[in-house]
Amino acid sequence: MGFDEVHKMDITGDGVDETVGVRRNEDGSVEYHVDIDGDGTADMKAVDVDGDGVIDHVLVDHDGDGKYDAAVVDADGDGELDAVAEK
């Protein structure tokens, strides 16, 4: 499964560009896969569930094992990420 778009941009604000792969799904959702450390594996995935341009949840791989171990979600639907769930 590839990406519809791939961009280089400084997501972390450290002056170094990260790779962002964008996947537009058939259900209207959009996924942003971010490789922060340059190893070719996404360290973070932000998801716009309904395609409205607002991120609904973010999955994070803290330990670099390729598995997401934390999630930040918009629990109350106000457009702001506010709840953290550790796996």
PDB file of N, CA and C in Angstrom:
ATOM      1  N   MET A   1       0.839  -1.169   0.000  1.00  0.00           N
ATOM      2  CA  MET A   1       0.000   0.000   0.000  1.00  0.00           C
ATOM      3  C   MET A   1       0.887   1.236   0.000  1.00  0.00           C
ATOM      4  N   GLY A   2       0.842   2.012  -1.043  1.00  0.00           N
ATOM      5  CA  GLY A   2       1.684   3.191  -1.148  1.00  0.00           C
ATOM      6  C   GLY A   2       0.976   4.452  -0.701  1.00  0.00           C
ATOM      7  N   PHE A   3       1.617   5.563  -0.981  1.00  0.00           N
ATOM      8  CA  PHE A   3       1.058   6.858  -0.616  1.00  0.00           C
ATOM      9  C   PHE A   3       0.613   7.600  -1.865  1.00  0.00           C
ATOM     10  N   ASP A   4      -0.416   8.426  -1.698  1.00  0.00           N
ATOM     11  CA  ASP A   4      -0.888   9.277  -2.788  1.00  0.00           C
ATOM     12  C   ASP A   4       0.044  10.461  -2.995  1.00  0.00           C
ATOM     13  N   GLU A   5       0.635  10.935  -1.917  1.00  0.00           N
ATOM     14  CA  GLU A   5       1.578  12.062  -1.956  1.00  0.00           C
ATOM     15  C   GLU A   5       2.672  11.812  -0.924  1.00  0.00           C
ATOM     16  N   VAL A   6       3.863  12.311  -1.186  1.00  0.00           N
ATOM     17  CA  VAL A   6       4.954  12.285  -0.209  1.00  0.00           C
ATOM     18  C   VAL A   6       5.559  13.679  -0.176  1.00  0.00           C
ATOM     19  N   HIS A   7       5.719  14.210   1.039  1.00  0.00           N
ATOM     20  CA  HIS A   7       6.255  15.560   1.212  1.00  0.00           C
ATOM     21  C   HIS A   7       7.415  15.538   2.195  1.00  0.00           C
ATOM     22  N   LYS A   8       8.308  16.494   2.051  1.00  0.00           N
ATOM     23  CA  LYS A   8       9.370  16.744   3.029  1.00  0.00           C
ATOM     24  C   LYS A   8       9.037  18.070   3.688  1.00  0.00           C
ATOM     25  N   MET A   9       8.896  18.060   5.014  1.00  0.00           N
ATOM     26  CA  MET A   9       8.616  19.294   5.742  1.00  0.00           C
ATOM     27  C   MET A   9       9.048  19.138   7.190  1.00  0.00           C
ATOM     28  N   ASP A  10       9.319  20.258   7.826  1.00  0.00           N
ATOM     29  CA  ASP A  10       9.764  20.260   9.218  1.00  0.00           C
ATOM     30  C   ASP A  10       8.548  20.232  10.134  1.00  0.00           C
ATOM     31  N   ILE A  11       8.135  19.048  10.533  1.00  0.00           N
ATOM     32  CA  ILE A  11       6.982  18.860  11.409  1.00  0.00           C
ATOM     33  C   ILE A  11       7.340  19.166  12.861  1.00  0.00           C
ATOM     34  N   THR A  12       8.550  18.828  13.274  1.00  0.00           N
ATOM     35  CA  THR A  12       8.946  18.931  14.682  1.00  0.00           C
ATOM     36  C   THR A  12       9.509  20.289  15.069  1.00  0.00           C
ATOM     37  N   GLY A  13       9.796  21.143  14.090  1.00  0.00           N
ATOM     38  CA  GLY A  13      10.313  22.474  14.393  1.00  0.00           C
ATOM     39  C   GLY A  13      11.789  22.511  14.739  1.00  0.00           C
ATOM     40  N   ASP A  14      12.525  21.442  14.392  1.00  0.00           N
ATOM     41  CA  ASP A  14      13.953  21.387  14.721  1.00  0.00           C
ATOM     42  C   ASP A  14      14.852  21.803  13.558  1.00  0.00           C
ATOM     43  N   GLY A  15      14.262  22.256  12.455  1.00  0.00           N
ATOM     44  CA  GLY A  15      15.045  22.675  11.300  1.00  0.00           C
ATOM     45  C   GLY A  15      15.400  21.553  10.344  1.00  0.00           C
ATOM     46  N   VAL A  16      14.982  20.317  10.655  1.00  0.00           N
ATOM     47  CA  VAL A  16      15.251  19.157   9.809  1.00  0.00           C
ATOM     48  C   VAL A  16      13.927  18.669   9.227  1.00  0.00           C
ATOM     49  N   ASP A  17      13.899  18.474   7.907  1.00  0.00           N
ATOM     50  CA  ASP A  17      12.670  18.004   7.267  1.00  0.00           C
ATOM     51  C   ASP A  17      12.402  16.540   7.578  1.00  0.00           C
ATOM     52  N   GLU A  18      11.156  16.233   7.899  1.00  0.00           N
ATOM     53  CA  GLU A  18      10.694  14.869   8.062  1.00  0.00           C
ATOM     54  C   GLU A  18       9.949  14.474   6.787  1.00  0.00           C
ATOM     55  N   THR A  19       9.793  13.169   6.568  1.00  0.00           N
ATOM     56  CA  THR A  19       9.037  12.671   5.425  1.00  0.00           C
ATOM     57  C   THR A  19       7.602  12.426   5.865  1.00  0.00           C
ATOM     58  N   VAL A  20       6.657  12.952   5.082  1.00  0.00           N
ATOM     59  CA  VAL A  20       5.235  12.773   5.370  1.00  0.00           C
ATOM     60  C   VAL A  20       4.584  12.106   4.166  1.00  0.00           C
ATOM     61  N   GLY A  21       4.054  10.910   4.385  1.00  0.00           N
ATOM     62  CA  GLY A  21       3.309  10.211   3.347  1.00  0.00           C
ATOM     63  C   GLY A  21       1.824  10.418   3.574  1.00  0.00           C
ATOM     64  N   VAL A  22       1.108  10.798   2.530  1.00  0.00           N
ATOM     65  CA  VAL A  22      -0.327  11.063   2.631  1.00  0.00           C
ATOM     66  C   VAL A  22      -1.086   9.969   1.890  1.00  0.00           C
ATOM     67  N   ARG A  23      -2.048   9.384   2.589  1.00  0.00           N
ATOM     68  CA  ARG A  23      -2.884   8.345   1.977  1.00  0.00           C
ATOM     69  C   ARG A  23      -4.347   8.782   2.080  1.00  0.00           C
ATOM     70  N   ARG A  24      -5.007   8.878   0.933  1.00  0.00           N
ATOM     71  CA  ARG A  24      -6.441   9.206   0.889  1.00  0.00           C
ATOM     72  C   ARG A  24      -7.204   7.890   0.693  1.00  0.00           C
ATOM     73  N   ASN A  25      -8.034   7.556   1.657  1.00  0.00           N
ATOM     74  CA  ASN A  25      -8.746   6.284   1.645  1.00  0.00           C
ATOM     75  C   ASN A  25     -10.110   6.400   0.965  1.00  0.00           C
ATOM     76  N   GLU A  26     -10.637   5.276   0.507  1.00  0.00           N
ATOM     77  CA  GLU A  26     -11.925   5.247  -0.189  1.00  0.00           C
ATOM     78  C   GLU A  26     -13.075   5.726   0.678  1.00  0.00           C
ATOM     79  N   ASP A  27     -12.951   5.603   2.005  1.00  0.00           N
ATOM     80  CA  ASP A  27     -14.029   6.024   2.907  1.00  0.00           C
ATOM     81  C   ASP A  27     -14.016   7.529   3.185  1.00  0.00           C
ATOM     82  N   GLY A  28     -13.097   8.267   2.562  1.00  0.00           N
ATOM     83  CA  GLY A  28     -13.015   9.712   2.745  1.00  0.00           C
ATOM     84  C   GLY A  28     -12.019  10.149   3.795  1.00  0.00           C
ATOM     85  N   SER A  29     -11.482   9.204   4.555  1.00  0.00           N
ATOM     86  CA  SER A  29     -10.490   9.553   5.574  1.00  0.00           C
ATOM     87  C   SER A  29      -9.128   9.806   4.926  1.00  0.00           C
ATOM     88  N   VAL A  30      -8.302  10.572   5.624  1.00  0.00           N
ATOM     89  CA  VAL A  30      -6.959  10.888   5.143  1.00  0.00           C
ATOM     90  C   VAL A  30      -5.973  10.558   6.251  1.00  0.00           C
ATOM     91  N   GLU A  31      -4.906   9.826   5.922  1.00  0.00           N
ATOM     92  CA  GLU A  31      -3.860   9.459   6.878  1.00  0.00           C
ATOM     93  C   GLU A  31      -2.571  10.180   6.515  1.00  0.00           C
ATOM     94  N   TYR A  32      -1.894  10.704   7.533  1.00  0.00           N
ATOM     95  CA  TYR A  32      -0.593  11.352   7.367  1.00  0.00           C
ATOM     96  C   TYR A  32       0.420  10.533   8.157  1.00  0.00           C
ATOM     97  N   HIS A  33       1.310   9.835   7.472  1.00  0.00           N
ATOM     98  CA  HIS A  33       2.327   8.994   8.097  1.00  0.00           C
ATOM     99  C   HIS A  33       3.627   9.791   8.141  1.00  0.00           C
ATOM    100  N   VAL A  34       4.176   9.999   9.347  1.00  0.00           N
ATOM    101  CA  VAL A  34       5.347  10.860   9.525  1.00  0.00           C
ATOM    102  C   VAL A  34       6.533  10.035  10.013  1.00  0.00           C
ATOM    103  N   ASP A  35       7.645  10.097   9.263  1.00  0.00           N
ATOM    104  CA  ASP A  35       8.905   9.455   9.652  1.00  0.00           C
ATOM    105  C   ASP A  35       9.788  10.537  10.266  1.00  0.00           C
ATOM    106  N   ILE A  36       9.836  10.583  11.589  1.00  0.00           N
ATOM    107  CA  ILE A  36      10.565  11.639  12.294  1.00  0.00           C
ATOM    108  C   ILE A  36      12.066  11.390  12.312  1.00  0.00           C
ATOM    109  N   ASP A  37      12.489  10.134  12.470  1.00  0.00           N
ATOM    110  CA  ASP A  37      13.919   9.852  12.635  1.00  0.00           C
ATOM    111  C   ASP A  37      14.627   9.416  11.354  1.00  0.00           C
ATOM    112  N   GLY A  38      13.929   9.402  10.215  1.00  0.00           N
ATOM    113  CA  GLY A  38      14.569   9.115   8.935  1.00  0.00           C
ATOM    114  C   GLY A  38      14.922   7.668   8.680  1.00  0.00           C
ATOM    115  N   ASP A  39      14.310   6.736   9.435  1.00  0.00           N
ATOM    116  CA  ASP A  39      14.642   5.324   9.247  1.00  0.00           C
ATOM    117  C   ASP A  39      13.738   4.611   8.241  1.00  0.00           C
ATOM    118  N   GLY A  40      12.814   5.347   7.615  1.00  0.00           N
ATOM    119  CA  GLY A  40      11.929   4.752   6.625  1.00  0.00           C
ATOM    120  C   GLY A  40      10.654   4.164   7.188  1.00  0.00           C
ATOM    121  N   THR A  41      10.469   4.251   8.505  1.00  0.00           N
ATOM    122  CA  THR A  41       9.273   3.745   9.163  1.00  0.00           C
ATOM    123  C   THR A  41       8.553   4.897   9.847  1.00  0.00           C
ATOM    124  N   ALA A  42       7.227   4.944   9.707  1.00  0.00           N
ATOM    125  CA  ALA A  42       6.452   6.026  10.324  1.00  0.00           C
ATOM    126  C   ALA A  42       6.518   5.933  11.844  1.00  0.00           C
ATOM    127  N   ASP A  43       6.813   7.062  12.479  1.00  0.00           N
ATOM    128  CA  ASP A  43       6.836   7.155  13.938  1.00  0.00           C
ATOM    129  C   ASP A  43       5.529   7.732  14.471  1.00  0.00           C
ATOM    130  N   MET A  44       4.729   8.300  13.567  1.00  0.00           N
ATOM    131  CA  MET A  44       3.487   8.937  13.955  1.00  0.00           C
ATOM    132  C   MET A  44       2.514   8.852  12.782  1.00  0.00           C
ATOM    133  N   LYS A  45       1.242   8.634  13.102  1.00  0.00           N
ATOM    134  CA  LYS A  45       0.200   8.642  12.073  1.00  0.00           C
ATOM    135  C   LYS A  45      -0.938   9.524  12.559  1.00  0.00           C
ATOM    136  N   ALA A  46      -1.218  10.588  11.809  1.00  0.00           N
ATOM    137  CA  ALA A  46      -2.338  11.474  12.113  1.00  0.00           C
ATOM    138  C   ALA A  46      -3.465  11.136  11.148  1.00  0.00           C
ATOM    139  N   VAL A  47      -4.697  11.075  11.666  1.00  0.00           N
ATOM    140  CA  VAL A  47      -5.822  10.661  10.838  1.00  0.00           C
ATOM    141  C   VAL A  47      -6.952  11.685  10.895  1.00  0.00           C
ATOM    142  N   ASP A  48      -7.396  12.090   9.718  1.00  0.00           N
ATOM    143  CA  ASP A  48      -8.600  12.908   9.549  1.00  0.00           C
ATOM    144  C   ASP A  48      -9.685  11.927   9.136  1.00  0.00           C
ATOM    145  N   VAL A  49     -10.495  11.478  10.084  1.00  0.00           N
ATOM    146  CA  VAL A  49     -11.451  10.395   9.870  1.00  0.00           C
ATOM    147  C   VAL A  49     -12.501  10.729   8.813  1.00  0.00           C
ATOM    148  N   ASP A  50     -12.994  11.966   8.809  1.00  0.00           N
ATOM    149  CA  ASP A  50     -14.098  12.313   7.915  1.00  0.00           C
ATOM    150  C   ASP A  50     -13.708  13.227   6.757  1.00  0.00           C
ATOM    151  N   GLY A  51     -12.407  13.486   6.578  1.00  0.00           N
ATOM    152  CA  GLY A  51     -11.939  14.276   5.446  1.00  0.00           C
ATOM    153  C   GLY A  51     -12.288  15.747   5.504  1.00  0.00           C
ATOM    154  N   ASP A  52     -12.534  16.268   6.724  1.00  0.00           N
ATOM    155  CA  ASP A  52     -12.913  17.676   6.860  1.00  0.00           C
ATOM    156  C   ASP A  52     -11.727  18.609   7.079  1.00  0.00           C
ATOM    157  N   GLY A  53     -10.509  18.054   7.050  1.00  0.00           N
ATOM    158  CA  GLY A  53      -9.313  18.873   7.242  1.00  0.00           C
ATOM    159  C   GLY A  53      -8.878  19.011   8.683  1.00  0.00           C
ATOM    160  N   VAL A  54      -9.612  18.376   9.612  1.00  0.00           N
ATOM    161  CA  VAL A  54      -9.285  18.422  11.037  1.00  0.00           C
ATOM    162  C   VAL A  54      -8.801  17.040  11.467  1.00  0.00           C
ATOM    163  N   ILE A  55      -7.628  16.991  12.107  1.00  0.00           N
ATOM    164  CA  ILE A  55      -7.085  15.719  12.596  1.00  0.00           C
ATOM    165  C   ILE A  55      -7.937  15.234  13.766  1.00  0.00           C
ATOM    166  N   ASP A  56      -8.410  13.982  13.674  1.00  0.00           N
ATOM    167  CA  ASP A  56      -9.268  13.415  14.710  1.00  0.00           C
ATOM    168  C   ASP A  56      -8.500  12.576  15.725  1.00  0.00           C
ATOM    169  N   HIS A  57      -7.410  11.964  15.311  1.00  0.00           N
ATOM    170  CA  HIS A  57      -6.550  11.256  16.266  1.00  0.00           C
ATOM    171  C   HIS A  57      -5.144  11.085  15.702  1.00  0.00           C
ATOM    172  N   VAL A  58      -4.204  10.916  16.623  1.00  0.00           N
ATOM    173  CA  VAL A  58      -2.798  10.733  16.275  1.00  0.00           C
ATOM    174  C   VAL A  58      -2.299   9.490  16.996  1.00  0.00           C
ATOM    175  N   LEU A  59      -1.643   8.603  16.268  1.00  0.00           N
ATOM    176  CA  LEU A  59      -1.010   7.418  16.845  1.00  0.00           C
ATOM    177  C   LEU A  59       0.493   7.647  16.856  1.00  0.00           C
ATOM    178  N   VAL A  60       1.152   7.247  17.950  1.00  0.00           N
ATOM    179  CA  VAL A  60       2.583   7.504  18.110  1.00  0.00           C
ATOM    180  C   VAL A  60       3.311   6.217  18.477  1.00  0.00           C
ATOM    181  N   ASP A  61       4.475   6.002  17.847  1.00  0.00           N
ATOM    182  CA  ASP A  61       5.369   4.889  18.184  1.00  0.00           C
ATOM    183  C   ASP A  61       6.535   5.477  18.969  1.00  0.00           C
ATOM    184  N   HIS A  62       6.441   5.451  20.298  1.00  0.00           N
ATOM    185  CA  HIS A  62       7.478   6.048  21.147  1.00  0.00           C
ATOM    186  C   HIS A  62       8.793   5.285  21.141  1.00  0.00           C
ATOM    187  N   ASP A  63       8.725   3.956  21.083  1.00  0.00           N
ATOM    188  CA  ASP A  63       9.940   3.159  21.253  1.00  0.00           C
ATOM    189  C   ASP A  63      10.568   2.690  19.940  1.00  0.00           C
ATOM    190  N   GLY A  64       9.999   3.079  18.794  1.00  0.00           N
ATOM    191  CA  GLY A  64      10.618   2.766  17.509  1.00  0.00           C
ATOM    192  C   GLY A  64      10.535   1.322  17.070  1.00  0.00           C
ATOM    193  N   ASP A  65       9.590   0.551  17.639  1.00  0.00           N
ATOM    194  CA  ASP A  65       9.479  -0.856  17.264  1.00  0.00           C
ATOM    195  C   ASP A  65       8.538  -1.098  16.081  1.00  0.00           C
ATOM    196  N   GLY A  66       8.005  -0.012  15.497  1.00  0.00           N
ATOM    197  CA  GLY A  66       7.107  -0.142  14.357  1.00  0.00           C
ATOM    198  C   GLY A  66       5.657  -0.350  14.730  1.00  0.00           C
ATOM    199  N   LYS A  67       5.364  -0.368  16.047  1.00  0.00           N
ATOM    200  CA  LYS A  67       3.989  -0.533  16.525  1.00  0.00           C
ATOM    201  C   LYS A  67       3.591   0.727  17.285  1.00  0.00           C
ATOM    202  N   TYR A  68       2.405   1.229  17.002  1.00  0.00           N
ATOM    203  CA  TYR A  68       1.933   2.426  17.703  1.00  0.00           C
ATOM    204  C   TYR A  68       1.571   2.063  19.134  1.00  0.00           C
ATOM    205  N   ASP A  69       2.109   2.830  20.096  1.00  0.00           N
ATOM    206  CA  ASP A  69       1.890   2.513  21.498  1.00  0.00           C
ATOM    207  C   ASP A  69       1.180   3.610  22.277  1.00  0.00           C
ATOM    208  N   ALA A  70       0.789   4.679  21.615  1.00  0.00           N
ATOM    209  CA  ALA A  70       0.017   5.735  22.264  1.00  0.00           C
ATOM    210  C   ALA A  70      -0.880   6.388  21.225  1.00  0.00           C
ATOM    211  N   ALA A  71      -2.012   6.886  21.694  1.00  0.00           N
ATOM    212  CA  ALA A  71      -2.948   7.577  20.809  1.00  0.00           C
ATOM    213  C   ALA A  71      -3.416   8.856  21.484  1.00  0.00           C
ATOM    214  N   VAL A  72      -3.528   9.913  20.705  1.00  0.00           N
ATOM    215  CA  VAL A  72      -4.104  11.165  21.174  1.00  0.00           C
ATOM    216  C   VAL A  72      -5.353  11.375  20.332  1.00  0.00           C
ATOM    217  N   VAL A  73      -6.492  11.597  20.999  1.00  0.00           N
ATOM    218  CA  VAL A  73      -7.760  11.693  20.277  1.00  0.00           C
ATOM    219  C   VAL A  73      -8.526  12.956  20.648  1.00  0.00           C
ATOM    220  N   ASP A  74      -9.432  13.332  19.773  1.00  0.00           N
ATOM    221  CA  ASP A  74     -10.385  14.403  20.059  1.00  0.00           C
ATOM    222  C   ASP A  74     -11.591  13.728  20.691  1.00  0.00           C
ATOM    223  N   ALA A  75     -11.557  13.541  22.004  1.00  0.00           N
ATOM    224  CA  ALA A  75     -12.575  12.772  22.711  1.00  0.00           C
ATOM    225  C   ALA A  75     -13.940  13.449  22.742  1.00  0.00           C
ATOM    226  N   ASP A  76     -13.963  14.780  22.718  1.00  0.00           N
ATOM    227  CA  ASP A  76     -15.244  15.480  22.833  1.00  0.00           C
ATOM    228  C   ASP A  76     -15.721  16.114  21.529  1.00  0.00           C
ATOM    229  N   GLY A  77     -14.993  15.895  20.429  1.00  0.00           N
ATOM    230  CA  GLY A  77     -15.431  16.368  19.122  1.00  0.00           C
ATOM    231  C   GLY A  77     -15.359  17.861  18.899  1.00  0.00           C
ATOM    232  N   ASP A  78     -14.505  18.562  19.682  1.00  0.00           N
ATOM    233  CA  ASP A  78     -14.420  20.019  19.542  1.00  0.00           C
ATOM    234  C   ASP A  78     -13.330  20.472  18.578  1.00  0.00           C
ATOM    235  N   GLY A  79     -12.663  19.518  17.919  1.00  0.00           N
ATOM    236  CA  GLY A  79     -11.617  19.874  16.964  1.00  0.00           C
ATOM    237  C   GLY A  79     -10.236  19.994  17.573  1.00  0.00           C
ATOM    238  N   GLU A  80     -10.112  19.736  18.891  1.00  0.00           N
ATOM    239  CA  GLU A  80      -8.813  19.782  19.566  1.00  0.00           C
ATOM    240  C   GLU A  80      -8.485  18.410  20.136  1.00  0.00           C
ATOM    241  N   LEU A  81      -7.248  17.961  19.910  1.00  0.00           N
ATOM    242  CA  LEU A  81      -6.807  16.680  20.472  1.00  0.00           C
ATOM    243  C   LEU A  81      -6.627  16.855  21.969  1.00  0.00           C
ATOM    244  N   ASP A  82      -7.217  15.941  22.768  1.00  0.00           N
ATOM    245  CA  ASP A  82      -7.208  16.185  24.198  1.00  0.00           C
ATOM    246  C   ASP A  82      -7.072  14.968  25.092  1.00  0.00           C
ATOM    247  N   ALA A  83      -7.189  13.782  24.609  1.00  0.00           N
ATOM    248  CA  ALA A  83      -7.102  12.608  25.468  1.00  0.00           C
ATOM    249  C   ALA A  83      -5.987  11.694  24.972  1.00  0.00           C
ATOM    250  N   VAL A  84      -5.150  11.224  25.898  1.00  0.00           N
ATOM    251  CA  VAL A  84      -4.044  10.331  25.557  1.00  0.00           C
ATOM    252  C   VAL A  84      -4.361   8.937  26.075  1.00  0.00           C
ATOM    253  N   ALA A  85      -4.205   7.949  25.216  1.00  0.00           N
ATOM    254  CA  ALA A  85      -4.394   6.561  25.608  1.00  0.00           C
ATOM    255  C   ALA A  85      -3.099   5.820  25.327  1.00  0.00           C
ATOM    256  N   GLU A  86      -2.502   5.246  26.355  1.00  0.00           N
ATOM    257  CA  GLU A  86      -1.287   4.440  26.197  1.00  0.00           C
ATOM    258  C   GLU A  86      -1.696   2.994  25.990  1.00  0.00           C
ATOM    259  N   LYS A  87      -1.008   2.309  25.080  1.00  0.00           N
ATOM    260  CA  LYS A  87      -1.297   0.886  24.835  1.00  0.00           C
ATOM    261  C   LYS A  87      -0.341   0.031  25.614  1.00  0.00           C
TER     262      LYS A  87
END
